């Protein structure tokens, strides 16, 4: 019947325990203020020693709760219910010492009941209903009455003056008792209304957050499905391209022999370029085949960030050797930061650089800025072309772009998917001075030394 909180709800259970700790502190402060006001403000004769013993005991239990929150032991539903039951017993002890069910603050039993209904399954709420109802019922006959404000019975004996004084005392006591009861009921309404409004607002905010999380999860799932479909098509295309590339490589090699450099220098040079491009295609297909099905950590090696950035730029230079590049690096003091040089991340950055190079002229070139600290890597790429179309921001990263001439339009889609899969962010904007800019932010702790420490646990 009493079960442990599942691992998915472990953080939520610990958070609920923190809320109980905070609310119990507020309850201890409120009880202390009420005791002081009743004794010194209203001159009510209360059993101070017993009352302060209950308050101090509750405070000691809250200290235990604080120490419990520092441990790594998972919080169970039974533990949360026990915490709330202790609060109910403490409230019952205070009410027993201050009039029992006739005390105007008996409404405070609703607080642990409301917390139980919010934090725990419905069965625990019914347990709390039974507990609070039984204690409330027991406090009707069993309690220590409020001595100075309870209405005294009228005794008709003695002289007329004595009877008048007793009658006057009775009226004054009854009037004071009524005022205190009205004040207690008003105070209870204000506190209850505030608690209900606060927790309902918190519950609504939590539901909205969950709805946003679900929407984001659905969006990521749709994007992942598209990426998987593209990956399947790419694997099929890689398999189909193997034979034609092999045939072309053989033909290019024969052409190189048939047209020697001393007789046909221009044609021989073109055949060499053709062979180089064929080798690049074959290498790309080999990398695709070798990386398929592997985990991200297996697709690259751990290397310093500065070396990785240099390696990416060197690879991109082979694609666009003639483009002017303004290169800026700022390590912000984290010179020993490391990253896993994953193939998909490298291809994503190179794709951004290629798109920027295609959008600008050779003379204007592009700008590349990289900076990192102990937790994040930031890469900014800027071109000096015509900028991004107005509808670009609505579809980038959500679906492949088909408006790009001479291409399939999937490169940027895969780039955005890769960045998001690694826990990063990518943003596109038109620069005020012309051209477009791309900003990529990646968490280094997913790849660097701190991640090694975590995975070793």
Protein backbone atom coordinates (compact mmCIF):
# COMPACT_ATOMS: atom_id res chain seq x y z
CA UNK A 1 0.00 0.00 0.00
CA UNK A 2 2.81 2.41 0.89
CA UNK A 3 5.14 2.48 -2.07
CA UNK A 4 8.34 4.26 -2.89
CA UNK A 5 8.42 7.27 -5.14
CA UNK A 6 9.46 6.26 -8.65
CA UNK A 7 12.84 7.54 -9.91
CA UNK A 8 11.12 9.94 -12.30
CA UNK A 9 9.34 11.62 -9.36
CA UNK A 10 12.29 11.58 -6.97
CA UNK A 11 13.17 15.24 -7.60
CA UNK A 12 9.50 16.24 -7.18
CA UNK A 13 9.27 14.39 -3.86
CA UNK A 14 12.40 16.12 -2.57
CA UNK A 15 10.99 19.45 -3.69
CA UNK A 16 7.76 18.71 -1.79
CA UNK A 17 9.82 17.95 1.31
CA UNK A 18 11.49 21.34 0.96
CA UNK A 19 8.08 22.98 0.77
CA UNK A 20 7.00 21.18 3.96
CA UNK A 21 10.17 22.41 5.66
CA UNK A 22 9.43 26.02 4.65
CA UNK A 23 5.74 25.87 5.62
CA UNK A 24 6.58 24.29 8.98
CA UNK A 25 8.96 27.16 9.69
CA UNK A 26 6.14 29.59 8.92
CA UNK A 27 3.81 27.61 11.18
CA UNK A 28 6.32 27.70 14.05
CA UNK A 29 6.71 31.46 13.67
CA UNK A 30 2.92 31.96 13.52
CA UNK A 31 2.34 29.79 16.60
CA UNK A 32 4.98 31.66 18.55
CA UNK A 33 3.40 35.01 17.65
CA UNK A 34 -0.08 33.80 18.64
CA UNK A 35 1.19 32.49 21.98
CA UNK A 36 2.93 35.76 22.79
CA UNK A 37 -0.10 37.86 21.75
CA UNK A 38 -2.53 35.70 23.71
CA UNK A 39 -0.48 35.76 26.91
CA UNK A 40 0.89 39.30 26.88
CA UNK A 41 -1.60 41.07 24.64
CA UNK A 42 -4.94 39.54 25.60
CA UNK A 43 -3.88 38.47 29.12
CA UNK A 44 -5.07 34.92 28.54
CA UNK A 45 -3.78 32.46 31.13
CA UNK A 46 -2.35 29.63 29.08
CA UNK A 47 -0.05 26.72 30.04
CA UNK A 48 3.07 28.41 28.68
CA UNK A 49 5.53 25.66 29.54
CA UNK A 50 3.56 22.98 27.71
CA UNK A 51 2.91 25.23 24.70
CA UNK A 52 6.56 26.17 24.27
CA UNK A 53 7.53 22.51 24.68
CA UNK A 54 5.31 21.63 21.70
CA UNK A 55 6.71 24.50 19.62
CA UNK A 56 10.32 23.60 20.44
CA UNK A 57 9.66 19.93 19.69
CA UNK A 58 8.25 20.89 16.31
CA UNK A 59 11.30 23.07 15.71
CA UNK A 60 13.61 20.18 16.57
CA UNK A 61 11.72 17.96 14.13
CA UNK A 62 12.17 20.60 11.45
CA UNK A 63 15.91 20.61 12.10
CA UNK A 64 15.85 16.85 11.54
CA UNK A 65 13.95 17.47 8.28
CA UNK A 66 16.62 19.94 7.16
CA UNK A 67 19.37 17.38 7.83
CA UNK A 68 17.29 14.75 6.01
CA UNK A 69 17.16 16.92 2.89
CA UNK A 70 20.97 16.97 2.73
CA UNK A 71 21.15 13.19 2.28
CA UNK A 72 20.93 11.32 -1.05
CA UNK A 73 18.34 8.82 0.15
CA UNK A 74 15.21 9.08 -2.05
CA UNK A 75 12.11 10.56 -0.44
CA UNK A 76 9.13 8.20 -0.29
CA UNK A 77 5.42 8.94 -0.27
CA UNK A 78 5.14 7.37 3.17
CA UNK A 79 7.82 9.73 4.47
CA UNK A 80 5.95 12.76 3.15
CA UNK A 81 2.73 11.54 4.75
CA UNK A 82 4.58 10.97 8.04
CA UNK A 83 5.91 14.53 7.91
CA UNK A 84 2.37 15.86 7.47
CA UNK A 85 1.04 13.58 10.24
CA UNK A 86 3.63 15.02 12.65
CA UNK A 87 2.33 18.50 11.81
CA UNK A 88 -1.23 17.35 12.53
CA UNK A 89 -0.21 15.91 15.90
CA UNK A 90 1.61 19.12 16.81
CA UNK A 91 -1.45 21.18 15.90
CA UNK A 92 -3.63 18.80 17.96
CA UNK A 93 -1.35 19.22 21.00
CA UNK A 94 -1.51 23.02 20.73
CA UNK A 95 -5.30 22.99 20.36
CA UNK A 96 -5.67 20.59 23.30
CA UNK A 97 -3.82 23.10 25.50
CA UNK A 98 -5.87 26.07 24.22
CA UNK A 99 -9.52 25.12 24.29
CA UNK A 100 -9.71 22.17 21.90
CA UNK A 101 -12.45 22.34 19.28
CA UNK A 102 -13.71 25.65 20.69
CA UNK A 103 -10.44 27.33 19.67
CA UNK A 104 -11.15 29.67 16.72
CA UNK A 105 -8.05 28.50 14.82
CA UNK A 106 -9.12 24.88 14.39
CA UNK A 107 -9.26 25.68 10.65
CA UNK A 108 -5.49 25.09 10.63
CA UNK A 109 -6.23 21.35 10.24
CA UNK A 110 -7.13 22.17 6.64
CA UNK A 111 -3.53 23.12 5.81
CA UNK A 112 -1.95 19.63 6.12
CA UNK A 113 -5.04 18.16 4.47
CA UNK A 114 -4.65 20.51 1.52
CA UNK A 115 -0.91 19.78 1.28
CA UNK A 116 -1.60 16.05 1.30
CA UNK A 117 -4.13 16.39 -1.53
CA UNK A 118 -1.62 18.39 -3.60
CA UNK A 119 1.55 16.39 -2.97
CA UNK A 120 0.39 12.78 -2.61
CA UNK A 121 -1.99 10.33 -4.30
CA UNK A 122 -5.67 10.42 -3.41
CA UNK A 123 -5.49 7.49 -1.00
CA UNK A 124 -3.21 9.51 1.30
CA UNK A 125 -5.68 12.39 1.23
CA UNK A 126 -8.37 10.06 2.59
CA UNK A 127 -5.96 8.85 5.28
CA UNK A 128 -5.43 12.48 6.27
CA UNK A 129 -9.19 13.12 6.31
CA UNK A 130 -9.64 10.20 8.72
CA UNK A 131 -6.74 11.37 10.93
CA UNK A 132 -7.80 15.03 11.15
CA UNK A 133 -11.47 14.18 11.63
CA UNK A 134 -10.69 11.74 14.46
CA UNK A 135 -8.43 14.25 16.22
CA UNK A 136 -10.93 17.10 15.74
CA UNK A 137 -13.69 14.92 17.21
CA UNK A 138 -11.51 13.93 20.17
CA UNK A 139 -10.74 17.58 20.91
CA UNK A 140 -14.41 18.34 21.53
CA UNK A 141 -14.65 16.54 24.90
CA UNK A 142 -10.96 16.36 25.74
CA UNK A 143 -9.19 19.72 26.09
CA UNK A 144 -7.98 22.34 28.51
CA UNK A 145 -10.50 25.23 28.26
CA UNK A 146 -9.43 28.82 27.76
CA UNK A 147 -9.76 30.01 31.38
CA UNK A 148 -10.10 33.76 31.17
CA UNK A 149 -12.26 34.12 28.05
CA UNK A 150 -14.62 31.15 28.29
CA UNK A 151 -18.16 32.25 29.30
CA UNK A 152 -18.75 31.46 33.02
CA UNK A 153 -22.07 30.02 34.21
CA UNK A 154 -24.32 32.35 36.19
CA UNK A 155 -24.69 31.34 39.88
CA UNK A 156 -27.60 32.89 41.73
CA UNK A 157 -26.34 33.09 45.31
CA UNK A 158 -25.21 35.79 47.69
CA UNK A 159 -26.17 39.44 47.74
CA UNK A 160 -27.65 41.39 44.88
CA UNK A 161 -24.41 43.37 44.40
CA UNK A 162 -22.41 40.14 44.15
CA UNK A 163 -24.89 38.78 41.67
CA UNK A 164 -24.66 41.94 39.59
CA UNK A 165 -20.87 41.82 39.57
CA UNK A 166 -20.89 38.18 38.53
CA UNK A 167 -23.43 38.94 35.85
CA UNK A 168 -21.30 41.85 34.61
CA UNK A 169 -18.17 39.63 34.57
CA UNK A 170 -20.11 37.02 32.67
CA UNK A 171 -21.19 39.54 30.03
CA UNK A 172 -17.66 40.92 29.66
CA UNK A 173 -16.14 37.44 29.39
CA UNK A 174 -18.74 36.38 26.88
CA UNK A 175 -18.15 39.56 24.83
CA UNK A 176 -14.35 39.05 24.84
CA UNK A 177 -14.77 35.41 23.91
CA UNK A 178 -17.05 36.33 21.00
CA UNK A 179 -14.61 38.98 19.75
CA UNK A 180 -11.71 36.51 19.91
CA UNK A 181 -13.73 33.87 18.11
CA UNK A 182 -14.71 36.31 15.35
CA UNK A 183 -11.13 37.46 14.98
CA UNK A 184 -9.93 33.86 14.81
CA UNK A 185 -12.48 32.98 12.14
CA UNK A 186 -11.54 36.10 10.12
CA UNK A 187 -7.85 35.32 10.46
CA UNK A 188 -8.50 31.73 9.42
CA UNK A 189 -10.40 32.84 6.33
CA UNK A 190 -7.63 35.21 5.26
CA UNK A 191 -4.89 32.60 5.71
CA UNK A 192 -6.92 29.84 4.04
CA UNK A 193 -7.81 32.07 1.09
CA UNK A 194 -4.17 33.07 0.69
CA UNK A 195 -2.96 29.48 0.81
CA UNK A 196 -5.58 28.29 -1.66
CA UNK A 197 -4.85 31.14 -4.07
CA UNK A 198 -1.10 30.58 -3.83
CA UNK A 199 -1.16 26.83 -4.33
CA UNK A 200 -3.74 26.99 -7.09
CA UNK A 201 -1.56 29.54 -8.89
CA UNK A 202 1.51 27.35 -8.36
CA UNK A 203 -0.37 24.32 -9.63
CA UNK A 204 -1.52 26.22 -12.72
CA UNK A 205 2.04 27.41 -13.36
CA UNK A 206 3.32 23.85 -13.00
CA UNK A 207 0.70 22.58 -15.46
CA UNK A 208 1.64 25.27 -17.99
CA UNK A 209 5.30 24.36 -17.62
CA UNK A 210 4.49 20.69 -18.22
CA UNK A 211 2.42 21.60 -21.28
CA UNK A 212 5.33 23.58 -22.70
CA UNK A 213 7.69 20.71 -21.96
CA UNK A 214 5.36 18.27 -23.70
CA UNK A 215 5.06 20.56 -26.71
CA UNK A 216 8.84 20.83 -26.89
CA UNK A 217 9.18 17.06 -26.55
CA UNK A 218 6.68 16.55 -29.39
CA UNK A 219 8.58 19.02 -31.55
CA UNK A 220 11.87 17.25 -30.81
CA UNK A 221 10.28 13.88 -31.56
CA UNK A 222 9.02 15.12 -34.93
CA UNK A 223 12.43 16.56 -35.75
CA UNK A 224 14.11 13.31 -34.71
CA UNK A 225 11.75 11.36 -36.96
CA UNK A 226 12.73 13.56 -39.88
CA UNK A 227 16.42 13.14 -39.05
CA UNK A 228 15.99 9.35 -38.85
CA UNK A 229 14.20 9.35 -42.20
CA UNK A 230 16.98 11.43 -43.74
CA UNK A 231 19.58 9.15 -42.19
CA UNK A 232 17.89 6.10 -43.66
CA UNK A 233 17.79 7.73 -47.10
CA UNK A 234 21.44 8.79 -46.71
CA UNK A 235 22.49 5.25 -45.82
CA UNK A 236 20.62 3.91 -48.82
CA UNK A 237 22.15 6.56 -51.08
CA UNK A 238 25.63 5.77 -49.71
CA UNK A 239 25.14 2.11 -50.53
CA UNK A 240 23.89 2.91 -54.05
CA UNK A 241 26.71 5.40 -54.72
CA UNK A 242 29.49 2.97 -53.88
CA UNK A 243 29.48 1.13 -57.24
CA UNK A 244 29.18 4.26 -59.47
CA UNK A 245 32.00 5.97 -57.59
CA UNK A 246 34.19 2.91 -57.98
CA UNK A 247 33.49 2.89 -61.73
CA UNK A 248 34.22 6.60 -62.04
CA UNK A 249 37.46 6.16 -60.10
CA UNK A 250 38.60 3.43 -62.51
CA UNK A 251 37.72 5.56 -65.55
CA UNK A 252 39.51 8.60 -64.09
CA UNK A 253 42.61 6.50 -63.42
CA UNK A 254 42.58 5.22 -67.03
CA UNK A 255 42.15 8.75 -68.35
CA UNK A 256 45.17 9.85 -66.31
CA UNK A 257 47.28 7.19 -68.03
CA UNK A 258 45.86 7.86 -71.52
CA UNK A 259 46.54 11.60 -71.28
CA UNK A 260 50.06 12.04 -69.83
CA UNK A 261 51.03 15.38 -68.39
CA UNK A 262 53.77 16.14 -70.94
CA UNK A 263 51.31 15.81 -73.86
CA UNK A 264 48.02 16.98 -72.37
CA UNK A 265 48.86 19.13 -69.31
CA UNK A 266 45.43 20.73 -68.94
CA UNK A 267 43.46 17.52 -69.39
CA UNK A 268 45.84 15.60 -67.13
CA UNK A 269 45.40 18.20 -64.39
CA UNK A 270 41.62 17.93 -64.68
CA UNK A 271 41.77 14.17 -64.32
CA UNK A 272 43.83 14.59 -61.13
CA UNK A 273 41.23 17.01 -59.75
CA UNK A 274 38.51 14.52 -60.65
CA UNK A 275 40.34 11.76 -58.76
CA UNK A 276 40.77 13.99 -55.71
CA UNK A 277 37.06 14.78 -55.62
CA UNK A 278 36.18 11.12 -56.04
CA UNK A 279 38.45 10.24 -53.11
CA UNK A 280 36.71 12.89 -50.99
CA UNK A 281 33.34 11.35 -51.83
CA UNK A 282 34.59 7.88 -50.96
CA UNK A 283 36.07 9.14 -47.68
CA UNK A 284 32.76 10.78 -46.80
CA UNK A 285 30.89 7.56 -47.48
CA UNK A 286 33.43 5.61 -45.40
CA UNK A 287 32.97 7.99 -42.46
CA UNK A 288 29.19 7.68 -42.79
CA UNK A 289 29.36 3.90 -42.72
CA UNK A 290 31.84 3.82 -39.84
CA UNK A 291 29.81 6.25 -37.73
CA UNK A 292 26.40 4.67 -38.30
CA UNK A 293 24.90 3.25 -35.11
CA UNK A 294 27.70 4.48 -32.84
CA UNK A 295 27.28 6.57 -29.78
CA UNK A 296 28.32 10.19 -29.84
CA UNK A 297 31.34 9.58 -27.60
CA UNK A 298 32.63 6.89 -30.01
CA UNK A 299 32.49 9.07 -33.11
CA UNK A 300 35.38 11.32 -32.15
CA UNK A 301 38.32 11.74 -29.82
CA UNK A 302 38.79 14.06 -26.87
CA UNK A 303 40.93 17.04 -27.85
CA UNK A 304 41.60 20.62 -26.67
CA UNK A 305 39.07 23.16 -27.88
CA UNK A 306 41.71 25.33 -29.54
CA UNK A 307 43.00 22.36 -31.56
CA UNK A 308 39.47 21.34 -32.46
CA UNK A 309 38.63 24.82 -33.79
CA UNK A 310 41.84 24.84 -35.85
CA UNK A 311 40.99 21.39 -37.20
CA UNK A 312 37.49 22.50 -38.24
CA UNK A 313 38.85 25.56 -40.03
CA UNK A 314 41.53 23.46 -41.76
CA UNK A 315 38.90 21.01 -43.02
CA UNK A 316 36.69 23.85 -44.24
CA UNK A 317 39.63 25.37 -46.14
CA UNK A 318 39.71 22.28 -48.36
CA UNK A 319 36.14 23.05 -49.44
CA UNK A 320 36.52 26.82 -49.91
CA UNK A 321 40.24 27.57 -50.33
CA UNK A 322 39.79 30.95 -51.95
CA UNK A 323 37.35 32.57 -49.52
CA UNK A 324 38.70 35.33 -47.27
CA UNK A 325 38.30 34.46 -43.59
CA UNK A 326 38.61 36.81 -40.61
CA UNK A 327 39.39 34.51 -37.68
CA UNK A 328 39.01 35.49 -33.99
CA UNK A 329 39.49 33.27 -30.92
CA UNK A 330 39.01 34.17 -27.26
CA UNK A 331 39.57 31.40 -24.72
CA UNK A 332 38.58 33.63 -21.72
CA UNK A 333 41.25 31.98 -19.60
CA UNK A 334 39.98 28.41 -20.10
CA UNK A 335 42.89 27.31 -22.24
CA UNK A 336 42.64 23.68 -21.05
CA UNK A 337 39.00 23.21 -22.07
CA UNK A 338 38.40 20.04 -24.08
CA UNK A 339 35.73 18.73 -26.41
CA UNK A 340 34.90 15.48 -28.18
CA UNK A 341 35.58 16.07 -31.86
CA UNK A 342 32.42 14.42 -33.10
CA UNK A 343 31.95 14.05 -36.87
CA UNK A 344 28.37 15.38 -36.88
CA UNK A 345 29.34 18.51 -34.94
CA UNK A 346 32.28 19.15 -37.26
CA UNK A 347 30.05 18.75 -40.31
CA UNK A 348 27.46 21.09 -38.77
CA UNK A 349 30.00 23.89 -38.25
CA UNK A 350 31.50 23.34 -41.72
CA UNK A 351 28.02 23.52 -43.22
CA UNK A 352 27.42 26.88 -41.55
CA UNK A 353 30.74 28.14 -42.91
CA UNK A 354 29.91 26.85 -46.41
CA UNK A 355 26.51 28.56 -46.40
CA UNK A 356 28.12 31.81 -45.28
CA UNK A 357 30.79 31.53 -47.98
CA UNK A 358 28.16 30.94 -50.66
CA UNK A 359 26.19 34.00 -49.57
CA UNK A 360 29.11 36.44 -49.81
CA UNK A 361 31.74 37.40 -52.36
CA UNK A 362 35.33 36.19 -52.38
CA UNK A 363 36.64 39.70 -51.66
CA UNK A 364 34.28 40.39 -48.73
CA UNK A 365 34.79 36.98 -47.15
CA UNK A 366 33.27 35.86 -43.87
CA UNK A 367 33.99 36.30 -40.16
CA UNK A 368 34.47 33.46 -37.67
CA UNK A 369 34.54 34.13 -33.92
CA UNK A 370 35.00 31.46 -31.24
CA UNK A 371 35.09 31.95 -27.47
CA UNK A 372 34.71 29.63 -24.52
CA UNK A 373 34.83 29.52 -20.76
CA UNK A 374 34.62 26.69 -18.26
CA UNK A 375 31.06 25.75 -19.25
CA UNK A 376 30.15 26.96 -22.74
CA UNK A 377 31.54 27.28 -26.25
CA UNK A 378 30.24 30.12 -28.43
CA UNK A 379 30.77 30.23 -32.19
CA UNK A 380 29.64 33.15 -34.36
CA UNK A 381 29.77 33.16 -38.14
CA UNK A 382 28.92 36.21 -40.24
CA UNK A 383 28.63 36.79 -43.98
CA UNK A 384 28.18 40.00 -46.00
CA UNK A 385 25.52 38.74 -48.39
CA UNK A 386 21.90 39.82 -48.92
CA UNK A 387 20.73 38.47 -45.56
CA UNK A 388 18.01 36.04 -44.58
CA UNK A 389 14.47 36.06 -46.02
CA UNK A 390 11.64 37.11 -43.66
CA UNK A 391 10.11 33.61 -43.51
CA UNK A 392 13.45 31.96 -42.72
CA UNK A 393 13.09 32.09 -38.92
CA UNK A 394 9.73 30.26 -39.00
CA UNK A 395 10.99 27.12 -40.75
CA UNK A 396 14.73 26.87 -40.00
CA UNK A 397 15.46 23.78 -37.93
CA UNK A 398 11.86 22.56 -38.23
CA UNK A 399 11.85 21.30 -41.80
CA UNK A 400 14.34 21.08 -44.69
CA UNK A 401 14.72 24.26 -46.73
CA UNK A 402 13.84 23.71 -50.36
CA UNK A 403 14.46 27.22 -51.65
CA UNK A 404 18.22 26.85 -51.84
CA UNK A 405 19.28 26.63 -55.48
CA UNK A 406 21.59 23.79 -56.47
CA UNK A 407 21.09 21.81 -53.26
CA UNK A 408 18.70 19.52 -51.46
CA UNK A 409 18.10 21.97 -48.60
CA UNK A 410 18.70 19.44 -45.80
CA UNK A 411 22.14 20.61 -44.64
CA UNK A 412 20.89 23.45 -42.44
CA UNK A 413 18.09 21.29 -41.06
CA UNK A 414 20.59 18.61 -40.03
CA UNK A 415 22.89 21.27 -38.60
CA UNK A 416 20.13 22.62 -36.34
CA UNK A 417 19.16 19.10 -35.31
CA UNK A 418 22.76 18.28 -34.39
CA UNK A 419 23.17 21.42 -32.28
CA UNK A 420 19.88 20.84 -30.44
CA UNK A 421 20.65 17.16 -29.88
CA UNK A 422 23.87 18.17 -28.11
CA UNK A 423 22.00 20.51 -25.75
CA UNK A 424 23.07 23.67 -27.57
CA UNK A 425 21.34 26.64 -29.17
CA UNK A 426 21.62 28.10 -32.65
CA UNK A 427 20.26 31.52 -33.60
CA UNK A 428 20.06 33.31 -36.95
CA UNK A 429 19.74 37.05 -37.48
CA UNK A 430 20.22 39.75 -40.08
CA UNK A 431 23.01 42.14 -39.13
CA UNK A 432 22.32 45.87 -39.02
CA UNK A 433 25.33 46.61 -41.26
CA UNK A 434 24.31 43.96 -43.81
CA UNK A 435 24.62 40.22 -44.15
CA UNK A 436 23.51 37.45 -41.85
CA UNK A 437 24.92 36.09 -38.60
CA UNK A 438 24.74 32.69 -36.94
CA UNK A 439 25.44 32.19 -33.22
CA UNK A 440 26.01 28.67 -31.84
CA UNK A 441 26.24 27.95 -28.10
CA UNK A 442 27.30 24.52 -26.86
CA UNK A 443 27.70 23.30 -23.24
CA UNK A 444 31.30 22.15 -22.84
CA UNK A 445 30.49 20.06 -19.76
CA UNK A 446 28.71 17.58 -22.04
CA UNK A 447 32.01 16.75 -23.69
CA UNK A 448 34.93 17.94 -21.61
CA UNK A 449 36.65 16.90 -18.43
CA UNK A 450 33.70 17.42 -16.16
CA UNK A 451 31.73 14.95 -18.19
CA UNK A 452 34.49 12.36 -17.76
CA UNK A 453 34.28 12.81 -14.03
CA UNK A 454 30.53 12.34 -14.03
CA UNK A 455 30.55 9.27 -16.22
CA UNK A 456 33.13 7.68 -14.01
CA UNK A 457 30.83 7.61 -11.04
